[in-house]
Amino acid sequence: MIFIPAYWSFDPNWRAITALHRARGVQKQGIKLKSNQQAKRIEALRAAQLSKQAAALNLKGQARTLWIMNGLRLDLRTDERQLRRILAKSRDGT
């Protein structure tokens, strides 16, 4: 249920409304955050290497995607968007 105070104009304050209703869970920090970030960086570097190898093998389309996913040991039911995010991270260098 969303409660909107009477003194707010409903239309222009969507940012304020969503700010009130954001999840307020505990954020990861310290060792746990660093280890997760490092694991993601390593996965992104591995994905970039596999992508280059797939290009060298002249793999395209679904075959390339499946080959990279197998190399990363991702479940084959994983959505291709997840792989695109990983590869985008490798290009960003983050």
C-alpha atoms as a PDB file:
ATOM      1  CA  MET A   1       0.000   0.000   0.000  1.00  0.00           C
ATOM      2  CA  ILE A   2       1.337   3.435  -0.887  1.00  0.00           C
ATOM      3  CA  PHE A   3       0.412   6.356   1.353  1.00  0.00           C
ATOM      4  CA  ILE A   4       0.619   9.798  -0.218  1.00  0.00           C
ATOM      5  CA  PRO A   5       0.260  12.781   2.099  1.00  0.00           C
ATOM      6  CA  ALA A   6      -2.539  15.201   1.200  1.00  0.00           C
ATOM      7  CA  TYR A   7      -0.137  18.136   0.878  1.00  0.00           C
ATOM      8  CA  TRP A   8       1.785  16.427  -1.968  1.00  0.00           C
ATOM      9  CA  SER A   9       0.803  16.957  -5.537  1.00  0.00           C
ATOM     10  CA  PHE A  10       0.662  13.390  -6.842  1.00  0.00           C
ATOM     11  CA  ASP A  11       1.997  13.927 -10.371  1.00  0.00           C
ATOM     12  CA  PRO A  12       5.389  15.638 -10.034  1.00  0.00           C
ATOM     13  CA  ASN A  13       6.682  13.765  -6.983  1.00  0.00           C
ATOM     14  CA  TRP A  14       7.352  10.245  -8.281  1.00  0.00           C
ATOM     15  CA  ARG A  15      10.989  10.440  -7.197  1.00  0.00           C
ATOM     16  CA  ALA A  16      10.001  11.328  -3.661  1.00  0.00           C
ATOM     17  CA  ILE A  17       7.417   8.539  -3.580  1.00  0.00           C
ATOM     18  CA  THR A  18       9.859   5.896  -4.814  1.00  0.00           C
ATOM     19  CA  ALA A  19      12.508   7.168  -2.392  1.00  0.00           C
ATOM     20  CA  LEU A  20      10.115   6.533   0.476  1.00  0.00           C
ATOM     21  CA  HIS A  21       9.352   3.007  -0.685  1.00  0.00           C
ATOM     22  CA  ARG A  22      12.836   1.752  -1.530  1.00  0.00           C
ATOM     23  CA  ALA A  23      14.101  -1.406   0.046  1.00  0.00           C
ATOM     24  CA  ARG A  24      15.931  -0.538   3.210  1.00  0.00           C
ATOM     25  CA  GLY A  25      18.010  -3.669   3.517  1.00  0.00           C
ATOM     26  CA  VAL A  26      21.542  -3.749   4.806  1.00  0.00           C
ATOM     27  CA  GLN A  27      24.047  -2.970   2.085  1.00  0.00           C
ATOM     28  CA  LYS A  28      27.119  -5.143   1.633  1.00  0.00           C
ATOM     29  CA  GLN A  29      30.329  -3.506   2.693  1.00  0.00           C
ATOM     30  CA  GLY A  30      33.868  -4.373   3.601  1.00  0.00           C
ATOM     31  CA  ILE A  31      35.241  -7.836   2.838  1.00  0.00           C
ATOM     32  CA  LYS A  32      32.009  -9.262   1.428  1.00  0.00           C
ATOM     33  CA  LEU A  33      31.560  -6.367  -1.029  1.00  0.00           C
ATOM     34  CA  LYS A  34      35.197  -6.495  -2.162  1.00  0.00           C
ATOM     35  CA  SER A  35      35.161 -10.249  -2.689  1.00  0.00           C
ATOM     36  CA  ASN A  36      31.970 -10.014  -4.769  1.00  0.00           C
ATOM     37  CA  GLN A  37      33.387  -7.168  -6.855  1.00  0.00           C
ATOM     38  CA  GLN A  38      36.603  -9.097  -7.442  1.00  0.00           C
ATOM     39  CA  ALA A  39      34.682 -12.210  -8.488  1.00  0.00           C
ATOM     40  CA  LYS A  40      32.672 -10.143 -10.981  1.00  0.00           C
ATOM     41  CA  ARG A  41      35.853  -8.586 -12.399  1.00  0.00           C
ATOM     42  CA  ILE A  42      37.442 -12.006 -12.840  1.00  0.00           C
ATOM     43  CA  GLU A  43      34.275 -13.306 -14.509  1.00  0.00           C
ATOM     44  CA  ALA A  44      34.236 -10.282 -16.849  1.00  0.00           C
ATOM     45  CA  LEU A  45      37.893 -10.829 -17.813  1.00  0.00           C
ATOM     46  CA  ARG A  46      37.245 -14.524 -18.453  1.00  0.00           C
ATOM     47  CA  ALA A  47      34.196 -13.632 -20.580  1.00  0.00           C
ATOM     48  CA  ALA A  48      36.311 -11.221 -22.625  1.00  0.00           C
ATOM     49  CA  GLN A  49      38.943 -13.919 -23.208  1.00  0.00           C
ATOM     50  CA  LEU A  50      36.285 -16.413 -24.249  1.00  0.00           C
ATOM     51  CA  SER A  51      34.717 -13.861 -26.564  1.00  0.00           C
ATOM     52  CA  LYS A  52      38.069 -13.319 -28.309  1.00  0.00           C
ATOM     53  CA  GLN A  53      38.568 -17.068 -28.625  1.00  0.00           C
ATOM     54  CA  ALA A  54      35.056 -17.434 -30.061  1.00  0.00           C
ATOM     55  CA  ALA A  55      35.858 -14.726 -32.601  1.00  0.00           C
ATOM     56  CA  ALA A  56      39.048 -16.565 -33.545  1.00  0.00           C
ATOM     57  CA  LEU A  57      37.003 -19.742 -34.029  1.00  0.00           C
ATOM     58  CA  ASN A  58      34.599 -17.707 -36.189  1.00  0.00           C
ATOM     59  CA  LEU A  59      31.619 -18.610 -33.987  1.00  0.00           C
ATOM     60  CA  LYS A  60      28.537 -16.464 -34.421  1.00  0.00           C
ATOM     61  CA  GLY A  61      25.064 -16.154 -32.986  1.00  0.00           C
ATOM     62  CA  GLN A  62      23.690 -18.888 -30.771  1.00  0.00           C
ATOM     63  CA  ALA A  63      26.779 -21.085 -31.154  1.00  0.00           C
ATOM     64  CA  ARG A  64      29.008 -18.275 -29.871  1.00  0.00           C
ATOM     65  CA  THR A  65      26.705 -17.537 -26.960  1.00  0.00           C
ATOM     66  CA  LEU A  66      26.521 -21.178 -25.920  1.00  0.00           C
ATOM     67  CA  TRP A  67      30.284 -21.588 -26.253  1.00  0.00           C
ATOM     68  CA  ILE A  68      30.963 -18.588 -23.989  1.00  0.00           C
ATOM     69  CA  MET A  69      28.326 -19.686 -21.470  1.00  0.00           C
ATOM     70  CA  ASN A  70      29.887 -23.158 -21.315  1.00  0.00           C
ATOM     71  CA  GLY A  71      33.296 -21.581 -20.778  1.00  0.00           C
ATOM     72  CA  LEU A  72      31.947 -19.482 -17.920  1.00  0.00           C
ATOM     73  CA  ARG A  73      30.147 -22.546 -16.542  1.00  0.00           C
ATOM     74  CA  LEU A  74      26.820 -20.757 -16.583  1.00  0.00           C
ATOM     75  CA  ASP A  75      23.627 -22.766 -16.663  1.00  0.00           C
ATOM     76  CA  LEU A  76      22.495 -23.040 -20.271  1.00  0.00           C
ATOM     77  CA  ARG A  77      19.050 -21.858 -19.195  1.00  0.00           C
ATOM     78  CA  THR A  78      20.597 -18.523 -18.208  1.00  0.00           C
ATOM     79  CA  ASP A  79      19.201 -15.630 -20.193  1.00  0.00           C
ATOM     80  CA  GLU A  80      21.522 -14.154 -22.817  1.00  0.00           C
ATOM     81  CA  ARG A  81      21.033 -10.719 -21.245  1.00  0.00           C
ATOM     82  CA  GLN A  82      23.126 -11.881 -18.296  1.00  0.00           C
ATOM     83  CA  LEU A  83      25.991 -12.713 -20.653  1.00  0.00           C
ATOM     84  CA  ARG A  84      25.649  -9.320 -22.365  1.00  0.00           C
ATOM     85  CA  ARG A  85      25.901  -7.599 -18.958  1.00  0.00           C
ATOM     86  CA  ILE A  86      29.040  -9.556 -18.110  1.00  0.00           C
ATOM     87  CA  LEU A  87      30.621  -8.698 -21.459  1.00  0.00           C
ATOM     88  CA  ALA A  88      29.652  -5.032 -21.057  1.00  0.00           C
ATOM     89  CA  LYS A  89      31.445  -4.992 -17.708  1.00  0.00           C
ATOM     90  CA  SER A  90      34.580  -6.330 -19.378  1.00  0.00           C
ATOM     91  CA  ARG A  91      34.433  -3.538 -21.965  1.00  0.00           C
ATOM     92  CA  ASP A  92      33.881  -0.890 -19.276  1.00  0.00           C
ATOM     93  CA  GLY A  93      36.931  -2.064 -17.389  1.00  0.00           C
ATOM     94  CA  THR A  94      35.046  -2.019 -14.077  1.00  0.00           C
END
